[in-house]
Amino acid sequence: MCTLALARLQNRPVGPALAAELDRIKAEAVYERRVLFVEHLGFITRTEARRIGFEEALHFERIHRAAYRELGYECVPVPPAPAAERAALVLRLTTENETVD
Protein backbone atom coordinates (compact mmCIF):
# COMPACT_ATOMS: atom_id res chain seq x y z
CA MET A 1 0.00 0.00 0.00
CA CYS A 2 2.86 2.36 0.72
CA THR A 3 4.32 1.77 -2.73
CA LEU A 4 0.91 2.47 -4.26
CA ALA A 5 0.74 5.74 -2.32
CA LEU A 6 4.25 6.69 -3.44
CA ALA A 7 3.39 5.94 -7.09
CA ARG A 8 0.36 8.19 -6.79
CA LEU A 9 2.35 10.95 -5.13
CA GLN A 10 4.78 10.88 -8.04
CA ASN A 11 2.01 10.53 -10.65
CA ARG A 12 3.44 7.22 -11.84
CA PRO A 13 1.37 4.36 -13.20
CA VAL A 14 0.79 1.23 -11.16
CA GLY A 15 2.87 -1.38 -12.92
CA PRO A 16 1.87 -5.02 -13.36
CA ALA A 17 4.10 -6.28 -10.54
CA LEU A 18 2.63 -3.83 -8.00
CA ALA A 19 -0.91 -4.50 -9.20
CA ALA A 20 -0.35 -8.26 -8.85
CA GLU A 21 1.09 -7.85 -5.36
CA LEU A 22 -1.84 -5.69 -4.25
CA ASP A 23 -4.24 -8.31 -5.61
CA ARG A 24 -2.35 -11.07 -3.76
CA ILE A 25 -2.35 -9.11 -0.51
CA LYS A 26 -6.09 -8.59 -0.78
CA ALA A 27 -6.94 -12.14 -1.86
CA GLU A 28 -4.80 -13.78 0.82
CA ALA A 29 -5.69 -11.27 3.57
CA VAL A 30 -1.99 -10.93 4.32
CA TYR A 31 -2.26 -8.00 6.73
CA GLU A 32 -4.50 -7.00 9.61
CA ARG A 33 -7.40 -4.85 8.42
CA ARG A 34 -6.77 -2.19 11.08
CA VAL A 35 -3.89 0.15 10.27
CA LEU A 36 -2.51 2.55 12.84
CA PHE A 37 -1.68 5.98 11.44
CA VAL A 38 0.67 7.97 13.64
CA GLU A 39 -0.46 11.54 13.05
CA HIS A 40 1.97 14.40 12.54
CA LEU A 41 3.03 16.74 15.32
CA GLY A 42 2.32 19.88 13.31
CA PHE A 43 5.84 20.41 12.01
CA ILE A 44 8.70 18.71 10.19
CA THR A 45 12.40 19.16 10.74
CA ARG A 46 14.22 18.80 7.46
CA THR A 47 17.28 16.59 7.52
CA GLU A 48 19.57 15.16 4.90
CA ALA A 49 17.28 12.09 4.74
CA ARG A 50 13.95 13.95 5.13
CA ARG A 51 13.81 16.45 2.33
CA ILE A 52 10.07 17.09 2.05
CA GLY A 53 8.33 20.01 3.71
CA PHE A 54 5.30 20.01 5.95
CA GLU A 55 2.69 20.68 3.25
CA GLU A 56 4.05 17.91 1.02
CA ALA A 57 4.05 15.55 4.00
CA LEU A 58 0.37 16.35 4.67
CA HIS A 59 -0.43 15.72 1.01
CA PHE A 60 1.39 12.37 1.10
CA GLU A 61 -0.45 11.47 4.32
CA ARG A 62 -3.80 12.04 2.58
CA ILE A 63 -2.73 9.91 -0.37
CA HIS A 64 -1.53 7.18 2.00
CA ARG A 65 -4.81 7.08 3.93
CA ALA A 66 -6.82 7.03 0.71
CA ALA A 67 -4.81 4.09 -0.64
CA TYR A 68 -5.35 2.06 2.52
CA ARG A 69 -9.08 2.84 2.63
CA GLU A 70 -9.48 2.04 -1.07
CA LEU A 71 -8.00 -1.39 -0.39
CA GLY A 72 -10.42 -2.01 2.48
CA TYR A 73 -8.31 -1.13 5.50
CA GLU A 74 -9.56 0.71 8.58
CA CYS A 75 -7.28 3.65 9.38
CA VAL A 76 -7.05 4.19 13.14
CA PRO A 77 -5.42 7.48 14.16
CA VAL A 78 -2.72 7.72 16.78
CA PRO A 79 -3.04 11.43 17.70
CA PRO A 80 -0.20 13.78 18.63
CA ALA A 81 1.10 13.19 22.14
CA PRO A 82 4.42 12.56 23.89
CA ALA A 83 6.16 9.41 22.63
CA ALA A 84 5.42 7.41 25.80
CA GLU A 85 1.69 8.18 25.51
CA ARG A 86 1.62 7.21 21.84
CA ALA A 87 3.44 3.98 22.60
CA ALA A 88 0.97 3.16 25.36
CA LEU A 89 -1.95 3.85 23.01
CA VAL A 90 -0.44 1.65 20.30
CA LEU A 91 -0.04 -1.16 22.83
CA ARG A 92 -3.68 -0.80 23.91
CA LEU A 93 -4.91 -0.65 20.33
CA THR A 94 -2.98 -3.75 19.32
CA THR A 95 -3.75 -5.84 22.39
CA GLU A 96 -7.30 -4.82 23.31
CA ASN A 97 -8.79 -4.01 19.89
CA GLU A 98 -9.63 -0.53 21.26
CA THR A 99 -10.60 2.41 19.06
CA VAL A 100 -9.72 6.08 19.36
CA ASP A 101 -12.59 8.56 19.66
C-alpha atoms as a PDB file:
ATOM      1  CA  MET A   1       0.000   0.000   0.000  1.00  0.00           C
ATOM      2  CA  CYS A   2       2.859   2.359   0.724  1.00  0.00           C
ATOM      3  CA  THR A   3       4.322   1.769  -2.733  1.00  0.00           C
ATOM      4  CA  LEU A   4       0.907   2.471  -4.256  1.00  0.00           C
ATOM      5  CA  ALA A   5       0.743   5.745  -2.319  1.00  0.00           C
ATOM      6  CA  LEU A   6       4.250   6.691  -3.443  1.00  0.00           C
ATOM      7  CA  ALA A   7       3.386   5.938  -7.087  1.00  0.00           C
ATOM      8  CA  ARG A   8       0.357   8.186  -6.787  1.00  0.00           C
ATOM      9  CA  LEU A   9       2.354  10.948  -5.125  1.00  0.00           C
ATOM     10  CA  GLN A  10       4.784  10.882  -8.041  1.00  0.00           C
ATOM     11  CA  ASN A  11       2.012  10.531 -10.651  1.00  0.00           C
ATOM     12  CA  ARG A  12       3.441   7.225 -11.842  1.00  0.00           C
ATOM     13  CA  PRO A  13       1.372   4.356 -13.204  1.00  0.00           C
ATOM     14  CA  VAL A  14       0.789   1.230 -11.156  1.00  0.00           C
ATOM     15  CA  GLY A  15       2.868  -1.382 -12.920  1.00  0.00           C
ATOM     16  CA  PRO A  16       1.875  -5.017 -13.359  1.00  0.00           C
ATOM     17  CA  ALA A  17       4.105  -6.279 -10.539  1.00  0.00           C
ATOM     18  CA  LEU A  18       2.633  -3.833  -8.003  1.00  0.00           C
ATOM     19  CA  ALA A  19      -0.912  -4.504  -9.195  1.00  0.00           C
ATOM     20  CA  ALA A  20      -0.347  -8.256  -8.853  1.00  0.00           C
ATOM     21  CA  GLU A  21       1.095  -7.849  -5.356  1.00  0.00           C
ATOM     22  CA  LEU A  22      -1.840  -5.688  -4.250  1.00  0.00           C
ATOM     23  CA  ASP A  23      -4.245  -8.313  -5.615  1.00  0.00           C
ATOM     24  CA  ARG A  24      -2.353 -11.068  -3.758  1.00  0.00           C
ATOM     25  CA  ILE A  25      -2.345  -9.115  -0.508  1.00  0.00           C
ATOM     26  CA  LYS A  26      -6.086  -8.590  -0.778  1.00  0.00           C
ATOM     27  CA  ALA A  27      -6.942 -12.145  -1.857  1.00  0.00           C
ATOM     28  CA  GLU A  28      -4.798 -13.782   0.825  1.00  0.00           C
ATOM     29  CA  ALA A  29      -5.694 -11.267   3.570  1.00  0.00           C
ATOM     30  CA  VAL A  30      -1.987 -10.934   4.316  1.00  0.00           C
ATOM     31  CA  TYR A  31      -2.261  -8.002   6.728  1.00  0.00           C
ATOM     32  CA  GLU A  32      -4.502  -6.998   9.609  1.00  0.00           C
ATOM     33  CA  ARG A  33      -7.398  -4.845   8.423  1.00  0.00           C
ATOM     34  CA  ARG A  34      -6.774  -2.192  11.080  1.00  0.00           C
ATOM     35  CA  VAL A  35      -3.893   0.153  10.267  1.00  0.00           C
ATOM     36  CA  LEU A  36      -2.507   2.545  12.844  1.00  0.00           C
ATOM     37  CA  PHE A  37      -1.685   5.985  11.438  1.00  0.00           C
ATOM     38  CA  VAL A  38       0.667   7.974  13.641  1.00  0.00           C
ATOM     39  CA  GLU A  39      -0.460  11.542  13.050  1.00  0.00           C
ATOM     40  CA  HIS A  40       1.974  14.404  12.536  1.00  0.00           C
ATOM     41  CA  LEU A  41       3.031  16.739  15.324  1.00  0.00           C
ATOM     42  CA  GLY A  42       2.323  19.876  13.313  1.00  0.00           C
ATOM     43  CA  PHE A  43       5.844  20.412  12.007  1.00  0.00           C
ATOM     44  CA  ILE A  44       8.697  18.706  10.193  1.00  0.00           C
ATOM     45  CA  THR A  45      12.404  19.165  10.744  1.00  0.00           C
ATOM     46  CA  ARG A  46      14.219  18.804   7.461  1.00  0.00           C
ATOM     47  CA  THR A  47      17.282  16.589   7.520  1.00  0.00           C
ATOM     48  CA  GLU A  48      19.565  15.159   4.898  1.00  0.00           C
ATOM     49  CA  ALA A  49      17.281  12.093   4.737  1.00  0.00           C
ATOM     50  CA  ARG A  50      13.952  13.948   5.134  1.00  0.00           C
ATOM     51  CA  ARG A  51      13.810  16.446   2.330  1.00  0.00           C
ATOM     52  CA  ILE A  52      10.071  17.095   2.049  1.00  0.00           C
ATOM     53  CA  GLY A  53       8.329  20.006   3.705  1.00  0.00           C
ATOM     54  CA  PHE A  54       5.297  20.006   5.947  1.00  0.00           C
ATOM     55  CA  GLU A  55       2.687  20.682   3.246  1.00  0.00           C
ATOM     56  CA  GLU A  56       4.053  17.912   1.019  1.00  0.00           C
ATOM     57  CA  ALA A  57       4.052  15.546   4.001  1.00  0.00           C
ATOM     58  CA  LEU A  58       0.373  16.354   4.668  1.00  0.00           C
ATOM     59  CA  HIS A  59      -0.432  15.724   1.011  1.00  0.00           C
ATOM     60  CA  PHE A  60       1.389  12.371   1.100  1.00  0.00           C
ATOM     61  CA  GLU A  61      -0.449  11.474   4.324  1.00  0.00           C
ATOM     62  CA  ARG A  62      -3.805  12.045   2.584  1.00  0.00           C
ATOM     63  CA  ILE A  63      -2.728   9.907  -0.370  1.00  0.00           C
ATOM     64  CA  HIS A  64      -1.529   7.179   2.004  1.00  0.00           C
ATOM     65  CA  ARG A  65      -4.813   7.080   3.929  1.00  0.00           C
ATOM     66  CA  ALA A  66      -6.821   7.035   0.707  1.00  0.00           C
ATOM     67  CA  ALA A  67      -4.813   4.090  -0.645  1.00  0.00           C
ATOM     68  CA  TYR A  68      -5.349   2.062   2.524  1.00  0.00           C
ATOM     69  CA  ARG A  69      -9.080   2.840   2.630  1.00  0.00           C
ATOM     70  CA  GLU A  70      -9.477   2.039  -1.067  1.00  0.00           C
ATOM     71  CA  LEU A  71      -8.000  -1.389  -0.392  1.00  0.00           C
ATOM     72  CA  GLY A  72     -10.415  -2.007   2.480  1.00  0.00           C
ATOM     73  CA  TYR A  73      -8.315  -1.128   5.503  1.00  0.00           C
ATOM     74  CA  GLU A  74      -9.563   0.709   8.585  1.00  0.00           C
ATOM     75  CA  CYS A  75      -7.282   3.650   9.380  1.00  0.00           C
ATOM     76  CA  VAL A  76      -7.055   4.193  13.138  1.00  0.00           C
ATOM     77  CA  PRO A  77      -5.423   7.481  14.157  1.00  0.00           C
ATOM     78  CA  VAL A  78      -2.717   7.725  16.783  1.00  0.00           C
ATOM     79  CA  PRO A  79      -3.037  11.427  17.700  1.00  0.00           C
ATOM     80  CA  PRO A  80      -0.203  13.778  18.630  1.00  0.00           C
ATOM     81  CA  ALA A  81       1.104  13.190  22.141  1.00  0.00           C
ATOM     82  CA  PRO A  82       4.418  12.559  23.889  1.00  0.00           C
ATOM     83  CA  ALA A  83       6.162   9.409  22.632  1.00  0.00           C
ATOM     84  CA  ALA A  84       5.420   7.411  25.795  1.00  0.00           C
ATOM     85  CA  GLU A  85       1.690   8.185  25.506  1.00  0.00           C
ATOM     86  CA  ARG A  86       1.618   7.213  21.835  1.00  0.00           C
ATOM     87  CA  ALA A  87       3.441   3.981  22.595  1.00  0.00           C
ATOM     88  CA  ALA A  88       0.965   3.158  25.361  1.00  0.00           C
ATOM     89  CA  LEU A  89      -1.945   3.846  23.013  1.00  0.00           C
ATOM     90  CA  VAL A  90      -0.437   1.646  20.303  1.00  0.00           C
ATOM     91  CA  LEU A  91      -0.038  -1.164  22.833  1.00  0.00           C
ATOM     92  CA  ARG A  92      -3.676  -0.797  23.912  1.00  0.00           C
ATOM     93  CA  LEU A  93      -4.909  -0.649  20.325  1.00  0.00           C
ATOM     94  CA  THR A  94      -2.976  -3.755  19.322  1.00  0.00           C
ATOM     95  CA  THR A  95      -3.749  -5.838  22.390  1.00  0.00           C
ATOM     96  CA  GLU A  96      -7.298  -4.825  23.309  1.00  0.00           C
ATOM     97  CA  ASN A  97      -8.786  -4.006  19.894  1.00  0.00           C
ATOM     98  CA  GLU A  98      -9.628  -0.535  21.263  1.00  0.00           C
ATOM     99  CA  THR A  99     -10.602   2.407  19.064  1.00  0.00           C
ATOM    100  CA  VAL A 100      -9.725   6.079  19.359  1.00  0.00           C
ATOM    101  CA  ASP A 101     -12.594   8.559  19.658  1.00  0.00           C
END
